[in-house]
N, C-alpha and C. Protein backbone atom coordinates (compact mmCIF):
# COMPACT_ATOMS: atom_id res chain seq x y z
N MET A 1 23.06 -14.91 2.06
CA MET A 1 23.49 -14.89 0.42
C MET A 1 24.87 -14.83 0.46
N SER A 2 25.79 -15.71 -0.25
CA SER A 2 27.23 -15.29 -0.30
C SER A 2 27.54 -14.84 -1.64
N TYR A 3 27.10 -13.80 -1.84
CA TYR A 3 27.34 -13.30 -3.14
C TYR A 3 27.97 -11.74 -2.82
N LEU A 4 29.12 -11.33 -3.53
CA LEU A 4 29.43 -9.96 -3.33
C LEU A 4 28.70 -9.17 -4.46
N ILE A 5 28.26 -7.83 -3.92
CA ILE A 5 27.47 -7.13 -4.99
C ILE A 5 28.57 -5.79 -5.08
N ARG A 6 29.09 -5.35 -6.17
CA ARG A 6 30.04 -4.36 -6.21
C ARG A 6 30.13 -3.77 -7.76
N SER A 7 30.61 -2.41 -7.90
CA SER A 7 30.68 -2.05 -9.16
C SER A 7 31.83 -2.78 -9.75
N VAL A 8 31.75 -2.82 -11.12
CA VAL A 8 32.81 -3.34 -12.01
C VAL A 8 34.17 -2.37 -11.84
N ARG A 9 35.42 -3.02 -12.26
CA ARG A 9 36.38 -2.45 -12.58
C ARG A 9 36.82 -2.32 -14.15
N ALA A 10 37.39 -1.31 -14.47
CA ALA A 10 37.58 -1.13 -16.10
C ALA A 10 38.24 -2.33 -16.56
N ASP A 11 39.33 -2.70 -15.87
CA ASP A 11 40.03 -4.04 -16.63
C ASP A 11 39.20 -5.29 -16.88
N GLU A 12 38.18 -5.37 -16.09
CA GLU A 12 37.17 -6.48 -16.21
C GLU A 12 36.23 -6.64 -17.39
N TRP A 13 36.60 -5.84 -18.46
CA TRP A 13 35.92 -5.96 -19.39
C TRP A 13 35.51 -7.40 -20.11
N PRO A 14 36.37 -8.10 -19.91
CA PRO A 14 36.13 -9.63 -20.57
C PRO A 14 35.18 -10.27 -19.88
N ALA A 15 34.98 -10.09 -18.60
CA ALA A 15 33.77 -10.78 -17.84
C ALA A 15 32.56 -9.95 -18.13
N ALA A 16 32.63 -8.57 -18.29
CA ALA A 16 31.31 -7.85 -18.71
C ALA A 16 31.03 -8.43 -20.05
N LYS A 17 31.81 -8.55 -21.07
CA LYS A 17 31.49 -9.08 -22.29
C LYS A 17 30.73 -10.26 -22.07
N GLU A 18 31.48 -11.32 -21.46
CA GLU A 18 30.83 -12.58 -21.13
C GLU A 18 29.35 -12.69 -20.80
N LEU A 19 29.35 -11.77 -19.53
CA LEU A 19 27.84 -11.68 -19.29
C LEU A 19 26.88 -11.18 -19.96
N ARG A 20 27.35 -10.23 -20.71
CA ARG A 20 26.40 -9.26 -21.58
C ARG A 20 25.98 -10.48 -22.86
N LEU A 21 26.84 -11.00 -23.35
CA LEU A 21 26.55 -11.98 -24.31
C LEU A 21 25.79 -13.21 -23.87
N LEU A 22 25.91 -13.65 -22.63
CA LEU A 22 25.09 -14.72 -21.94
C LEU A 22 23.66 -14.03 -21.99
N ALA A 23 23.41 -12.88 -21.58
CA ALA A 23 22.17 -12.19 -21.28
C ALA A 23 21.50 -12.11 -22.63
N LEU A 24 22.38 -11.93 -23.79
CA LEU A 24 21.75 -11.70 -25.04
C LEU A 24 21.28 -13.23 -25.62
N GLN A 25 21.57 -14.12 -24.91
CA GLN A 25 20.89 -15.44 -25.52
C GLN A 25 19.98 -15.78 -24.43
N ASP A 26 19.46 -15.12 -23.46
CA ASP A 26 18.30 -15.21 -22.82
C ASP A 26 17.17 -15.52 -23.64
N PRO A 27 16.04 -16.34 -23.16
CA PRO A 27 15.00 -16.47 -23.99
C PRO A 27 14.02 -15.02 -24.23
N VAL A 28 14.08 -14.05 -23.33
CA VAL A 28 13.15 -12.80 -23.51
C VAL A 28 14.33 -11.88 -23.72
N ALA A 29 15.58 -12.13 -24.27
CA ALA A 29 16.52 -10.83 -24.55
C ALA A 29 16.01 -10.02 -25.54
N HIS A 30 14.92 -10.50 -26.56
CA HIS A 30 14.57 -10.06 -27.56
C HIS A 30 13.53 -8.89 -27.09
N LEU A 31 12.80 -8.90 -25.93
CA LEU A 31 12.21 -8.01 -25.31
C LEU A 31 12.91 -7.10 -24.30
N ALA A 32 14.03 -7.54 -23.74
CA ALA A 32 14.82 -6.67 -22.79
C ALA A 32 15.83 -5.97 -23.19
N PHE A 33 16.41 -6.21 -24.12
CA PHE A 33 17.77 -5.67 -24.73
C PHE A 33 17.60 -4.96 -26.11
N LEU A 34 18.29 -3.99 -26.40
CA LEU A 34 18.13 -3.31 -27.75
C LEU A 34 19.24 -3.78 -28.59
N GLU A 35 19.76 -4.97 -28.64
CA GLU A 35 20.82 -5.47 -29.35
C GLU A 35 20.54 -6.84 -29.30
N THR A 36 21.01 -7.75 -30.54
CA THR A 36 21.08 -9.25 -30.61
C THR A 36 22.32 -9.87 -30.26
N TYR A 37 22.30 -11.07 -29.82
CA TYR A 37 23.39 -11.82 -29.56
C TYR A 37 24.45 -11.55 -30.60
N GLU A 38 24.05 -11.76 -31.87
CA GLU A 38 24.99 -11.53 -33.26
C GLU A 38 25.65 -10.40 -33.18
N GLN A 39 24.78 -9.10 -32.69
CA GLN A 39 25.42 -7.70 -32.87
C GLN A 39 26.51 -7.77 -31.73
N GLY A 40 26.13 -8.28 -30.65
CA GLY A 40 27.06 -8.25 -29.19
C GLY A 40 28.13 -8.88 -29.56
N LEU A 41 28.21 -9.95 -30.27
CA LEU A 41 29.26 -11.16 -30.71
C LEU A 41 30.08 -10.32 -31.76
N ALA A 42 29.77 -9.52 -32.62
CA ALA A 42 30.29 -8.78 -33.78
C ALA A 42 31.32 -7.66 -33.07
N ARG A 43 30.94 -7.26 -31.93
CA ARG A 43 31.49 -5.85 -31.55
C ARG A 43 33.15 -6.02 -31.24
N PRO A 44 34.05 -5.21 -31.36
CA PRO A 44 35.26 -5.46 -31.18
C PRO A 44 35.61 -5.31 -29.71
N ASP A 45 36.65 -5.79 -29.30
CA ASP A 45 37.12 -5.86 -27.96
C ASP A 45 37.22 -4.32 -27.46
N SER A 46 37.69 -3.44 -28.50
CA SER A 46 37.63 -1.92 -28.16
C SER A 46 36.34 -1.40 -27.56
N PHE A 47 35.30 -2.01 -28.13
CA PHE A 47 34.01 -1.53 -27.71
C PHE A 47 33.70 -1.85 -26.05
N TRP A 48 34.05 -3.12 -25.84
CA TRP A 48 33.88 -3.52 -24.49
C TRP A 48 34.69 -3.01 -23.59
N ARG A 49 35.92 -2.67 -24.03
CA ARG A 49 36.83 -2.04 -23.12
C ARG A 49 36.27 -0.51 -22.65
N GLU A 50 35.73 0.15 -23.48
CA GLU A 50 35.20 1.46 -23.39
C GLU A 50 33.89 1.48 -22.72
N ARG A 51 33.13 0.44 -22.93
CA ARG A 51 31.70 0.32 -22.35
C ARG A 51 32.14 -0.10 -20.81
N THR A 52 32.86 -0.74 -20.50
CA THR A 52 33.33 -1.14 -19.14
C THR A 52 33.78 -0.06 -18.44
N ALA A 53 34.85 0.55 -19.09
CA ALA A 53 35.31 1.68 -18.35
C ALA A 53 34.37 2.85 -18.24
N GLY A 54 33.53 3.19 -19.01
CA GLY A 54 32.70 4.25 -18.78
C GLY A 54 31.72 4.08 -17.80
N ALA A 55 31.36 2.78 -17.29
CA ALA A 55 30.48 2.34 -16.19
C ALA A 55 31.16 1.67 -15.01
N ALA A 56 32.66 1.86 -14.76
CA ALA A 56 33.39 1.25 -13.91
C ALA A 56 33.30 2.13 -12.70
N GLU A 57 33.60 1.27 -11.57
CA GLU A 57 33.98 1.99 -10.41
C GLU A 57 34.51 3.52 -10.37
N GLY A 58 34.12 4.46 -9.82
CA GLY A 58 34.61 5.62 -9.85
C GLY A 58 34.03 6.63 -11.13
N ALA A 59 33.35 5.91 -12.05
CA ALA A 59 32.84 6.87 -13.08
C ALA A 59 31.74 7.54 -12.66
N GLU A 60 31.33 8.82 -13.21
CA GLU A 60 30.37 9.67 -12.67
C GLU A 60 29.15 9.57 -13.46
N GLN A 61 29.13 9.17 -14.79
CA GLN A 61 27.90 9.23 -15.51
C GLN A 61 27.13 7.81 -15.62
N ALA A 62 27.57 6.78 -15.01
CA ALA A 62 27.18 5.51 -15.32
C ALA A 62 27.97 4.39 -14.20
N GLN A 63 27.16 3.56 -13.75
CA GLN A 63 27.73 2.56 -13.06
C GLN A 63 27.10 1.13 -13.20
N GLN A 64 28.03 0.08 -13.53
CA GLN A 64 27.72 -1.24 -13.78
C GLN A 64 28.01 -2.08 -12.56
N ILE A 65 26.81 -2.61 -11.92
CA ILE A 65 26.88 -3.24 -10.59
C ILE A 65 26.88 -4.64 -11.02
N VAL A 66 27.60 -5.54 -10.55
CA VAL A 66 27.46 -7.02 -10.60
C VAL A 66 27.34 -7.83 -9.34
N ALA A 67 26.69 -9.05 -9.41
CA ALA A 67 26.75 -9.97 -8.25
C ALA A 67 27.79 -11.05 -8.49
N GLU A 68 28.74 -11.03 -7.80
CA GLU A 68 29.62 -12.03 -7.90
C GLU A 68 29.40 -13.26 -6.99
N GLY A 69 29.60 -14.63 -7.49
CA GLY A 69 29.30 -15.62 -6.73
C GLY A 69 30.51 -15.95 -6.09
N PRO A 70 30.50 -16.77 -4.99
CA PRO A 70 31.55 -17.50 -3.91
C PRO A 70 32.72 -18.06 -4.86
N ASP A 71 32.71 -18.39 -6.27
CA ASP A 71 33.74 -18.74 -7.01
C ASP A 71 34.41 -17.85 -7.96
N GLY A 72 33.66 -16.47 -7.63
CA GLY A 72 34.26 -15.35 -8.59
C GLY A 72 33.50 -15.10 -9.71
N GLU A 73 32.47 -16.19 -10.28
CA GLU A 73 31.57 -16.02 -11.43
C GLU A 73 30.54 -15.04 -11.17
N TRP A 74 30.59 -14.16 -12.35
CA TRP A 74 29.42 -13.22 -12.20
C TRP A 74 28.03 -13.78 -12.70
N VAL A 75 27.07 -13.42 -11.71
CA VAL A 75 25.90 -14.14 -12.04
C VAL A 75 25.07 -13.12 -12.17
N GLY A 76 24.96 -11.63 -12.11
CA GLY A 76 24.00 -11.09 -12.18
C GLY A 76 24.38 -9.52 -12.66
N THR A 77 23.79 -8.83 -13.37
CA THR A 77 24.20 -7.29 -13.28
C THR A 77 23.00 -6.36 -13.67
N LEU A 78 23.30 -5.12 -13.39
CA LEU A 78 22.39 -3.96 -13.79
C LEU A 78 23.55 -2.60 -14.20
N THR A 79 22.95 -1.82 -14.68
CA THR A 79 23.64 -0.76 -15.06
C THR A 79 22.79 0.60 -14.75
N VAL A 80 23.29 1.45 -13.97
CA VAL A 80 22.69 2.81 -14.14
C VAL A 80 23.26 4.01 -14.63
N LEU A 81 22.62 4.64 -15.50
CA LEU A 81 23.19 5.62 -16.37
C LEU A 81 22.63 7.00 -15.70
N VAL A 82 23.27 7.85 -15.79
CA VAL A 82 22.85 9.34 -15.47
C VAL A 82 22.41 10.26 -16.60
N GLU A 83 21.19 10.52 -16.82
CA GLU A 83 20.65 11.24 -17.86
C GLU A 83 20.49 12.86 -17.27
N GLU A 84 21.02 13.48 -18.14
CA GLU A 84 21.06 14.98 -17.73
C GLU A 84 19.86 15.81 -18.30
N ALA A 85 19.52 16.64 -17.60
CA ALA A 85 18.35 17.61 -17.99
C ALA A 85 18.53 18.49 -19.24
N GLY A 86 17.88 18.64 -20.09
CA GLY A 86 18.18 19.29 -21.44
C GLY A 86 18.58 18.44 -22.70
N THR A 87 18.77 17.14 -22.44
CA THR A 87 19.42 16.21 -23.24
C THR A 87 18.17 15.44 -23.83
N GLU A 88 18.43 14.52 -24.82
CA GLU A 88 17.37 13.56 -25.30
C GLU A 88 18.00 12.25 -24.89
N ASP A 89 16.79 11.33 -24.69
CA ASP A 89 17.26 10.07 -24.15
C ASP A 89 17.46 9.16 -25.31
N TRP A 90 17.41 7.86 -25.25
CA TRP A 90 17.89 6.90 -26.49
C TRP A 90 16.63 6.84 -27.50
N ALA A 91 15.43 7.23 -27.12
CA ALA A 91 14.27 7.15 -27.89
C ALA A 91 13.89 8.51 -28.71
N GLY A 92 14.86 9.57 -28.22
CA GLY A 92 14.48 10.75 -28.76
C GLY A 92 13.69 11.66 -27.85
N PHE A 93 13.27 11.06 -26.80
CA PHE A 93 12.22 12.07 -25.78
C PHE A 93 13.22 12.85 -24.88
N PRO A 94 12.74 14.18 -24.67
CA PRO A 94 13.53 15.29 -24.00
C PRO A 94 13.86 14.37 -22.46
N VAL A 95 14.81 14.74 -21.82
CA VAL A 95 15.11 14.53 -20.45
C VAL A 95 14.97 16.02 -19.65
N GLU A 96 13.81 16.02 -18.85
CA GLU A 96 13.48 17.09 -18.28
C GLU A 96 14.12 17.56 -17.02
N ARG A 97 14.60 16.44 -16.25
CA ARG A 97 15.50 16.61 -15.01
C ARG A 97 16.52 15.54 -14.85
N ARG A 98 17.62 15.93 -14.41
CA ARG A 98 18.66 15.06 -13.96
C ARG A 98 18.24 13.70 -13.36
N GLN A 99 18.33 12.59 -14.02
CA GLN A 99 17.70 11.27 -13.31
C GLN A 99 18.83 10.16 -13.76
N GLY A 100 18.25 8.92 -13.12
CA GLY A 100 19.04 7.68 -13.25
C GLY A 100 18.14 6.99 -14.18
N HIS A 101 18.89 6.18 -14.93
CA HIS A 101 18.29 5.17 -16.00
C HIS A 101 18.72 3.83 -15.81
N VAL A 102 18.08 2.74 -15.42
CA VAL A 102 18.46 1.47 -15.14
C VAL A 102 18.39 0.72 -16.51
N VAL A 103 19.40 0.28 -16.73
CA VAL A 103 19.60 -0.80 -18.15
C VAL A 103 20.37 -1.97 -17.89
N GLY A 104 20.18 -2.90 -18.87
CA GLY A 104 21.03 -3.98 -18.72
C GLY A 104 20.78 -4.90 -17.71
N VAL A 105 19.55 -5.04 -16.99
CA VAL A 105 19.26 -5.90 -15.81
C VAL A 105 19.48 -7.45 -16.53
N PHE A 106 19.95 -8.15 -15.78
CA PHE A 106 20.14 -9.65 -16.09
C PHE A 106 20.78 -10.62 -14.92
N VAL A 107 19.93 -11.49 -14.51
CA VAL A 107 20.54 -12.44 -13.44
C VAL A 107 20.34 -13.96 -14.18
N ARG A 108 21.55 -14.50 -14.04
CA ARG A 108 21.34 -16.06 -14.47
C ARG A 108 20.28 -16.86 -14.28
N PRO A 109 19.80 -17.60 -15.12
CA PRO A 109 18.44 -18.50 -14.80
C PRO A 109 18.82 -19.11 -13.51
N GLU A 110 19.94 -19.91 -13.45
CA GLU A 110 20.17 -20.64 -12.21
C GLU A 110 20.17 -20.07 -10.92
N CYS A 111 20.31 -18.65 -10.94
CA CYS A 111 20.52 -18.02 -9.74
C CYS A 111 19.06 -17.00 -9.75
N ARG A 112 18.11 -17.13 -10.15
CA ARG A 112 16.76 -16.42 -10.23
C ARG A 112 16.17 -16.91 -9.09
N GLY A 113 15.31 -15.85 -8.22
CA GLY A 113 14.61 -16.31 -7.17
C GLY A 113 15.04 -16.26 -5.98
N ILE A 114 16.28 -16.13 -6.05
CA ILE A 114 16.95 -16.02 -4.50
C ILE A 114 17.39 -14.65 -3.95
N GLY A 115 16.90 -13.68 -4.53
CA GLY A 115 17.00 -12.22 -4.17
C GLY A 115 18.14 -11.46 -4.69
N LEU A 116 18.75 -11.98 -5.63
CA LEU A 116 19.94 -11.31 -6.17
C LEU A 116 19.54 -9.96 -6.99
N THR A 117 18.23 -10.23 -7.75
CA THR A 117 17.92 -8.87 -8.32
C THR A 117 17.29 -7.77 -7.49
N GLU A 118 16.85 -8.30 -6.44
CA GLU A 118 16.60 -7.05 -5.31
C GLU A 118 17.90 -6.28 -4.74
N VAL A 119 18.89 -7.17 -4.71
CA VAL A 119 20.10 -6.87 -4.14
C VAL A 119 20.86 -5.81 -5.00
N LEU A 120 20.79 -6.23 -6.25
CA LEU A 120 21.26 -5.43 -7.44
C LEU A 120 20.65 -4.24 -7.53
N PHE A 121 19.46 -4.15 -7.54
CA PHE A 121 18.61 -2.82 -7.53
C PHE A 121 19.00 -2.00 -6.25
N ASP A 122 19.04 -2.60 -5.15
CA ASP A 122 19.25 -1.74 -4.03
C ASP A 122 20.78 -1.06 -4.18
N ALA A 123 21.76 -1.89 -4.82
CA ALA A 123 22.76 -1.02 -4.95
C ALA A 123 22.85 0.02 -5.95
N GLY A 124 22.30 -0.47 -7.22
CA GLY A 124 21.94 0.51 -8.29
C GLY A 124 21.35 1.86 -7.68
N LEU A 125 20.26 1.79 -7.02
CA LEU A 125 19.66 2.87 -6.27
C LEU A 125 20.39 3.60 -5.32
N GLU A 126 21.33 3.02 -4.43
CA GLU A 126 21.91 3.69 -3.63
C GLU A 126 22.87 4.56 -4.21
N TRP A 127 23.47 3.88 -5.36
CA TRP A 127 24.39 4.73 -6.23
C TRP A 127 23.86 6.06 -6.88
N ALA A 128 22.51 5.97 -7.34
CA ALA A 128 21.86 6.95 -7.87
C ALA A 128 21.62 8.12 -6.90
N TRP A 129 21.00 7.62 -5.72
CA TRP A 129 20.70 8.53 -4.90
C TRP A 129 21.99 9.56 -4.11
N SER A 130 22.94 8.39 -4.22
CA SER A 130 24.41 9.26 -3.81
C SER A 130 24.92 10.14 -4.78
N ARG A 131 24.42 9.98 -5.93
CA ARG A 131 24.64 11.14 -6.96
C ARG A 131 23.64 12.42 -6.92
N GLY A 132 22.75 12.36 -6.08
CA GLY A 132 21.85 13.48 -5.86
C GLY A 132 20.74 13.32 -6.84
N LEU A 133 20.57 12.20 -7.40
CA LEU A 133 19.33 11.89 -8.43
C LEU A 133 18.11 11.89 -7.54
N GLU A 134 17.04 12.31 -7.90
CA GLU A 134 16.01 12.02 -7.22
C GLU A 134 14.67 11.38 -7.91
N ARG A 135 15.12 10.91 -9.00
CA ARG A 135 14.17 10.05 -9.80
C ARG A 135 15.06 9.14 -10.61
N VAL A 136 14.79 7.86 -10.60
CA VAL A 136 15.18 6.57 -11.55
C VAL A 136 14.22 6.07 -12.34
N ARG A 137 14.29 5.76 -13.57
CA ARG A 137 13.58 5.07 -14.45
C ARG A 137 14.09 4.07 -15.22
N LEU A 138 13.40 3.22 -15.78
CA LEU A 138 13.65 2.12 -16.72
C LEU A 138 12.63 2.06 -17.74
N ILE A 139 13.02 1.39 -18.74
CA ILE A 139 12.01 1.23 -19.94
C ILE A 139 11.85 -0.42 -20.08
N VAL A 140 10.71 -0.80 -20.04
CA VAL A 140 10.44 -2.38 -20.27
C VAL A 140 9.37 -2.65 -21.25
N HIS A 141 9.74 -3.74 -22.00
CA HIS A 141 8.72 -4.02 -23.05
C HIS A 141 7.39 -4.59 -22.52
N GLU A 142 6.22 -4.21 -23.12
CA GLU A 142 5.07 -4.36 -22.42
C GLU A 142 4.68 -5.89 -22.40
N ASP A 143 5.33 -6.61 -23.34
CA ASP A 143 5.18 -8.19 -23.17
C ASP A 143 6.20 -9.15 -22.08
N ASN A 144 6.86 -8.17 -21.52
CA ASN A 144 7.94 -8.84 -20.58
C ASN A 144 7.39 -8.84 -19.34
N GLY A 145 6.46 -9.77 -18.91
CA GLY A 145 5.83 -9.75 -17.55
C GLY A 145 6.74 -10.07 -16.42
N ARG A 146 7.57 -10.95 -16.74
CA ARG A 146 8.59 -11.27 -15.41
C ARG A 146 8.94 -10.04 -15.03
N ALA A 147 9.63 -8.99 -16.05
CA ALA A 147 10.44 -7.77 -15.48
C ALA A 147 9.32 -6.88 -14.89
N ARG A 148 8.21 -6.74 -15.49
CA ARG A 148 7.31 -5.74 -15.10
C ARG A 148 6.86 -6.15 -13.50
N THR A 149 6.73 -7.36 -13.30
CA THR A 149 6.20 -7.69 -11.96
C THR A 149 7.22 -7.38 -10.90
N PHE A 150 8.48 -7.61 -11.29
CA PHE A 150 9.58 -7.29 -10.47
C PHE A 150 9.80 -5.94 -10.24
N TYR A 151 9.66 -5.15 -11.27
CA TYR A 151 9.77 -3.58 -11.29
C TYR A 151 8.53 -3.21 -10.23
N ARG A 152 7.40 -3.51 -10.39
CA ARG A 152 6.31 -3.01 -9.51
C ARG A 152 6.74 -3.34 -8.19
N ARG A 153 7.10 -4.69 -7.90
CA ARG A 153 7.53 -5.17 -6.38
C ARG A 153 8.63 -4.14 -6.00
N ALA A 154 9.53 -3.80 -6.62
CA ALA A 154 10.59 -2.76 -6.21
C ALA A 154 10.19 -1.33 -6.01
N GLY A 155 8.89 -1.05 -6.29
CA GLY A 155 8.69 0.29 -6.12
C GLY A 155 8.28 1.28 -7.37
N PHE A 156 8.77 0.43 -8.50
CA PHE A 156 8.68 1.26 -9.77
C PHE A 156 7.03 1.33 -10.19
N VAL A 157 6.64 2.55 -10.70
CA VAL A 157 5.24 2.49 -11.18
C VAL A 157 5.31 3.09 -12.63
N PRO A 158 4.28 2.77 -13.47
CA PRO A 158 4.17 3.32 -14.82
C PRO A 158 4.05 4.83 -14.83
N SER A 159 4.77 5.32 -15.48
CA SER A 159 4.58 6.72 -15.77
C SER A 159 3.67 7.43 -16.68
N GLY A 160 3.39 6.26 -17.60
CA GLY A 160 2.26 6.79 -18.71
C GLY A 160 3.13 7.08 -20.09
N ILE A 161 4.40 7.17 -19.93
CA ILE A 161 5.19 7.35 -21.44
C ILE A 161 5.22 5.95 -21.92
N VAL A 162 4.92 6.03 -23.17
CA VAL A 162 5.11 4.78 -24.11
C VAL A 162 5.92 5.15 -25.37
N VAL A 163 6.83 4.14 -25.48
CA VAL A 163 7.72 4.37 -26.42
C VAL A 163 7.37 3.21 -27.64
N PRO A 164 6.93 3.87 -28.63
CA PRO A 164 6.42 2.72 -29.83
C PRO A 164 7.89 1.91 -30.31
N LEU A 165 7.75 0.88 -30.68
CA LEU A 165 9.09 0.23 -31.42
C LEU A 165 8.89 0.22 -32.88
N ALA A 166 9.89 -0.13 -33.41
CA ALA A 166 9.86 -0.31 -34.97
C ALA A 166 8.63 -1.49 -35.52
N GLU A 167 7.85 -1.11 -36.51
CA GLU A 167 6.65 -2.21 -36.75
C GLU A 167 7.54 -3.59 -36.72
N ASP A 168 8.54 -3.92 -37.00
CA ASP A 168 9.12 -5.18 -37.22
C ASP A 168 9.54 -5.89 -35.88
N SER A 169 9.76 -5.13 -35.02
CA SER A 169 9.90 -5.69 -33.72
C SER A 169 8.79 -5.64 -32.83
N GLY A 170 7.59 -5.14 -33.05
CA GLY A 170 6.32 -5.40 -32.51
C GLY A 170 6.43 -4.94 -31.04
N GLY A 171 5.09 -4.38 -30.56
CA GLY A 171 4.95 -3.91 -29.35
C GLY A 171 5.31 -2.60 -28.93
N ARG A 172 5.37 -2.24 -27.53
CA ARG A 172 5.89 -0.98 -27.06
C ARG A 172 6.55 -1.09 -25.77
N GLU A 173 7.29 -0.11 -25.46
CA GLU A 173 8.05 -0.06 -24.30
C GLU A 173 7.41 0.98 -23.22
N LEU A 174 7.48 0.52 -22.12
CA LEU A 174 6.70 1.22 -21.11
C LEU A 174 7.66 1.79 -19.99
N GLU A 175 7.76 3.08 -19.76
CA GLU A 175 8.52 3.78 -18.53
C GLU A 175 8.03 3.68 -17.51
N TYR A 176 8.78 3.11 -16.58
CA TYR A 176 8.52 3.06 -14.92
C TYR A 176 9.36 3.89 -14.17
N VAL A 177 8.92 4.34 -13.23
CA VAL A 177 9.87 5.42 -12.42
C VAL A 177 9.49 5.12 -10.92
N LEU A 178 10.54 5.65 -10.17
CA LEU A 178 10.75 5.58 -8.85
C LEU A 178 11.16 6.65 -8.24
N GLU A 179 10.58 7.80 -7.80
CA GLU A 179 10.99 8.76 -7.15
C GLU A 179 11.58 8.65 -5.72
N ARG A 180 12.54 9.38 -5.35
CA ARG A 180 13.39 9.28 -4.21
C ARG A 180 12.38 9.76 -3.00
N ILE A 181 12.29 8.97 -1.84
CA ILE A 181 11.44 9.57 -0.93
C ILE A 181 12.61 10.28 0.15
N ARG A 182 12.18 11.66 0.22
CA ARG A 182 12.83 12.46 1.24
C ARG A 182 12.45 12.05 2.55
N GLN A 183 13.37 11.94 3.64
CA GLN A 183 13.14 11.78 5.05
C GLN A 183 13.23 13.10 5.46
N VAL A 184 12.24 13.38 6.13
CA VAL A 184 11.84 14.57 6.82
C VAL A 184 12.26 14.74 8.40
């Protein structure tokens, strides 16, 4: 595979914005992301600058990782957020221990099925484990079968936590977790 897997740099916010807007146009975006294309498009450049800087190379609380093609085009991404014990997550649930939370997973349709998602997850998990996190989680819509299948293949298992969504959005979100295996 001739793709470079790396963390974003703060000054790359235009590319981060472009890839996110593309992700929000995916046919399953309504199941995978908590915003619409129209909402993302309406955000000012200052939002994209701050968002990218907060998850750029060297950041301590988040890391956005991208797959860069041979031509320099970004073809996939994911972000790992650090959630601190004693806080609440995005859904209002208490965070009981310091953990990682994978969000924003996307690979361009023409690049799917070649192993990029696996490599992005490997890099994201490596970053999380290097921060001393012993658990990484993600939230996936119950109807997003493509993602649920991949997450299970990557070793994530349902935790039993279910996040109900607003009535107008329909369905539920399911938490999947991966515990770090300690070498003895």
